[in-house]
């Protein structure tokens, strides 16, 4: 799987969207409703992000 900016994942009741993708880090936003776009932004390493989205479903969503 290749990470790309603006990808949207659904894990349990939360949605996770990649906001900014760097070489070694990922900035992502967790939300309850992807249409509203309100949520908190987090900055983690790519390795931590991949562990976070393990078992999550990649959605076909265009913001």
N, C-alpha and C. Protein backbone atom coordinates (compact mmCIF):
# COMPACT_ATOMS: atom_id res chain seq x y z
N UNK A 1 0.83 -1.17 0.00
CA UNK A 1 0.00 0.00 0.00
C UNK A 1 0.89 1.24 0.00
N UNK A 2 0.53 2.23 -0.79
CA UNK A 2 1.30 3.46 -0.88
C UNK A 2 0.50 4.59 -0.24
N UNK A 3 1.14 5.27 0.69
CA UNK A 3 0.48 6.39 1.36
C UNK A 3 0.49 7.60 0.43
N UNK A 4 -0.66 8.31 0.40
CA UNK A 4 -0.78 9.52 -0.39
C UNK A 4 -1.53 10.56 0.41
N UNK A 5 -1.28 11.82 0.10
CA UNK A 5 -1.96 12.90 0.78
C UNK A 5 -3.46 12.84 0.49
N UNK A 6 -4.28 13.17 1.48
CA UNK A 6 -5.74 13.20 1.42
C UNK A 6 -6.39 11.83 1.39
N UNK A 7 -5.66 10.76 1.65
CA UNK A 7 -6.30 9.45 1.77
C UNK A 7 -7.13 9.44 3.03
N UNK A 8 -8.28 8.77 2.97
CA UNK A 8 -9.20 8.72 4.10
C UNK A 8 -9.38 7.27 4.51
N UNK A 9 -9.19 7.00 5.80
CA UNK A 9 -9.33 5.67 6.36
C UNK A 9 -10.44 5.68 7.40
N UNK A 10 -11.14 4.56 7.53
CA UNK A 10 -12.15 4.39 8.57
C UNK A 10 -11.69 3.28 9.49
N UNK A 11 -11.56 3.63 10.77
CA UNK A 11 -11.17 2.66 11.78
C UNK A 11 -12.14 2.79 12.95
N UNK A 12 -12.89 1.74 13.21
CA UNK A 12 -13.93 1.74 14.23
C UNK A 12 -14.93 2.86 13.91
N UNK A 13 -15.11 3.83 14.81
CA UNK A 13 -16.05 4.92 14.57
C UNK A 13 -15.35 6.20 14.13
N UNK A 14 -14.05 6.16 13.94
CA UNK A 14 -13.29 7.36 13.59
C UNK A 14 -12.83 7.32 12.13
N UNK A 15 -12.62 8.50 11.58
CA UNK A 15 -12.06 8.65 10.25
C UNK A 15 -10.69 9.29 10.40
N UNK A 16 -9.74 8.83 9.61
CA UNK A 16 -8.37 9.32 9.66
C UNK A 16 -8.00 9.78 8.25
N UNK A 17 -7.60 11.06 8.13
CA UNK A 17 -7.21 11.58 6.82
C UNK A 17 -5.78 12.10 6.87
N UNK A 18 -4.98 11.74 5.88
CA UNK A 18 -3.61 12.22 5.79
C UNK A 18 -3.64 13.67 5.31
N UNK A 19 -3.12 14.57 6.14
CA UNK A 19 -3.12 15.98 5.82
C UNK A 19 -1.84 16.35 5.07
N UNK A 20 -0.71 15.91 5.60
CA UNK A 20 0.57 16.21 4.96
C UNK A 20 1.48 15.00 5.09
N UNK A 21 2.14 14.68 4.01
CA UNK A 21 3.01 13.52 3.97
C UNK A 21 4.43 13.97 3.68
N UNK A 22 5.34 13.67 4.59
CA UNK A 22 6.76 14.01 4.41
C UNK A 22 7.54 12.70 4.27
N UNK A 23 8.84 12.83 4.15
CA UNK A 23 9.67 11.64 3.93
C UNK A 23 9.60 10.68 5.10
N UNK A 24 9.69 11.19 6.32
CA UNK A 24 9.70 10.32 7.50
C UNK A 24 8.53 10.56 8.44
N UNK A 25 7.67 11.52 8.14
CA UNK A 25 6.59 11.87 9.06
C UNK A 25 5.26 12.00 8.34
N UNK A 26 4.18 11.83 9.11
CA UNK A 26 2.83 11.96 8.58
C UNK A 26 2.04 12.86 9.53
N UNK A 27 1.39 13.85 8.96
CA UNK A 27 0.46 14.68 9.71
C UNK A 27 -0.94 14.22 9.31
N UNK A 28 -1.73 13.83 10.31
CA UNK A 28 -3.06 13.31 10.01
C UNK A 28 -4.09 13.93 10.93
N UNK A 29 -5.35 13.85 10.50
CA UNK A 29 -6.45 14.41 11.27
C UNK A 29 -7.43 13.29 11.59
N UNK A 30 -7.85 13.21 12.85
CA UNK A 30 -8.89 12.26 13.24
C UNK A 30 -10.19 13.01 13.37
N UNK A 31 -11.27 12.40 12.82
CA UNK A 31 -12.57 13.06 12.78
C UNK A 31 -13.68 12.04 13.05
N UNK A 32 -14.81 12.53 13.50
CA UNK A 32 -16.01 11.70 13.64
C UNK A 32 -16.83 11.74 12.35
N UNK A 33 -16.79 12.89 11.64
CA UNK A 33 -17.55 13.08 10.40
C UNK A 33 -16.61 13.65 9.34
N UNK A 34 -16.33 12.90 8.27
CA UNK A 34 -15.38 13.38 7.27
C UNK A 34 -15.90 14.56 6.45
N UNK A 35 -17.21 14.72 6.35
CA UNK A 35 -17.77 15.81 5.57
C UNK A 35 -17.57 17.14 6.29
N UNK A 36 -17.79 17.17 7.61
CA UNK A 36 -17.61 18.39 8.38
C UNK A 36 -16.14 18.79 8.45
N UNK A 37 -15.25 17.83 8.55
CA UNK A 37 -13.82 18.09 8.56
C UNK A 37 -13.29 18.61 9.88
N UNK A 38 -14.08 18.54 10.93
CA UNK A 38 -13.62 19.00 12.24
C UNK A 38 -12.96 17.86 12.98
N UNK A 39 -11.78 18.12 13.52
CA UNK A 39 -11.07 17.09 14.25
C UNK A 39 -9.74 17.61 14.76
N UNK A 40 -8.94 16.70 15.28
CA UNK A 40 -7.64 17.08 15.82
C UNK A 40 -6.54 16.58 14.90
N UNK A 41 -5.47 17.38 14.79
CA UNK A 41 -4.34 17.04 13.93
C UNK A 41 -3.21 16.49 14.78
N UNK A 42 -2.55 15.46 14.26
CA UNK A 42 -1.45 14.80 14.96
C UNK A 42 -0.27 14.66 14.01
N UNK A 43 0.94 14.64 14.56
CA UNK A 43 2.15 14.43 13.78
C UNK A 43 2.91 13.24 14.34
N UNK A 44 3.10 12.21 13.50
CA UNK A 44 3.79 10.98 13.93
C UNK A 44 4.73 10.54 12.82
N UNK A 45 5.55 9.54 13.12
CA UNK A 45 6.41 8.96 12.10
C UNK A 45 5.57 8.06 11.19
N UNK A 46 6.11 7.75 10.03
CA UNK A 46 5.39 6.87 9.10
C UNK A 46 5.16 5.50 9.73
N UNK A 47 6.13 5.02 10.47
CA UNK A 47 6.02 3.71 11.10
C UNK A 47 4.87 3.69 12.10
N UNK A 48 4.76 4.74 12.92
CA UNK A 48 3.67 4.83 13.88
C UNK A 48 2.32 4.94 13.17
N UNK A 49 2.28 5.69 12.06
CA UNK A 49 1.04 5.85 11.33
C UNK A 49 0.58 4.53 10.72
N UNK A 50 1.51 3.78 10.18
CA UNK A 50 1.16 2.48 9.59
C UNK A 50 0.61 1.53 10.66
N UNK A 51 1.17 1.59 11.86
CA UNK A 51 0.63 0.78 12.96
C UNK A 51 -0.76 1.25 13.34
N UNK A 52 -1.00 2.55 13.27
CA UNK A 52 -2.30 3.12 13.62
C UNK A 52 -3.39 2.67 12.65
N UNK A 53 -3.09 2.64 11.36
CA UNK A 53 -4.12 2.31 10.38
C UNK A 53 -4.21 0.81 10.08
N UNK A 54 -3.44 0.01 10.80
CA UNK A 54 -3.51 -1.43 10.59
C UNK A 54 -4.92 -1.90 10.92
N UNK A 55 -5.55 -2.55 9.97
CA UNK A 55 -6.92 -3.02 10.15
C UNK A 55 -7.97 -1.99 9.75
N UNK A 56 -7.54 -0.81 9.33
CA UNK A 56 -8.47 0.24 8.89
C UNK A 56 -8.82 0.03 7.42
N UNK A 57 -9.94 0.60 7.02
CA UNK A 57 -10.42 0.47 5.65
C UNK A 57 -10.15 1.77 4.89
N UNK A 58 -9.49 1.66 3.73
CA UNK A 58 -9.24 2.81 2.88
C UNK A 58 -10.52 3.14 2.11
N UNK A 59 -11.00 4.37 2.22
CA UNK A 59 -12.23 4.78 1.57
C UNK A 59 -11.94 5.57 0.30
N UNK A 60 -12.85 5.47 -0.66
CA UNK A 60 -12.76 6.29 -1.88
C UNK A 60 -13.53 7.57 -1.64
N UNK A 61 -12.84 8.57 -1.13
CA UNK A 61 -13.49 9.83 -0.76
C UNK A 61 -12.66 10.98 -1.31
N UNK A 62 -13.30 11.88 -2.01
CA UNK A 62 -12.63 13.08 -2.53
C UNK A 62 -13.10 14.27 -1.74
N UNK A 63 -12.20 14.96 -1.04
CA UNK A 63 -12.61 16.13 -0.25
C UNK A 63 -13.01 17.31 -1.12
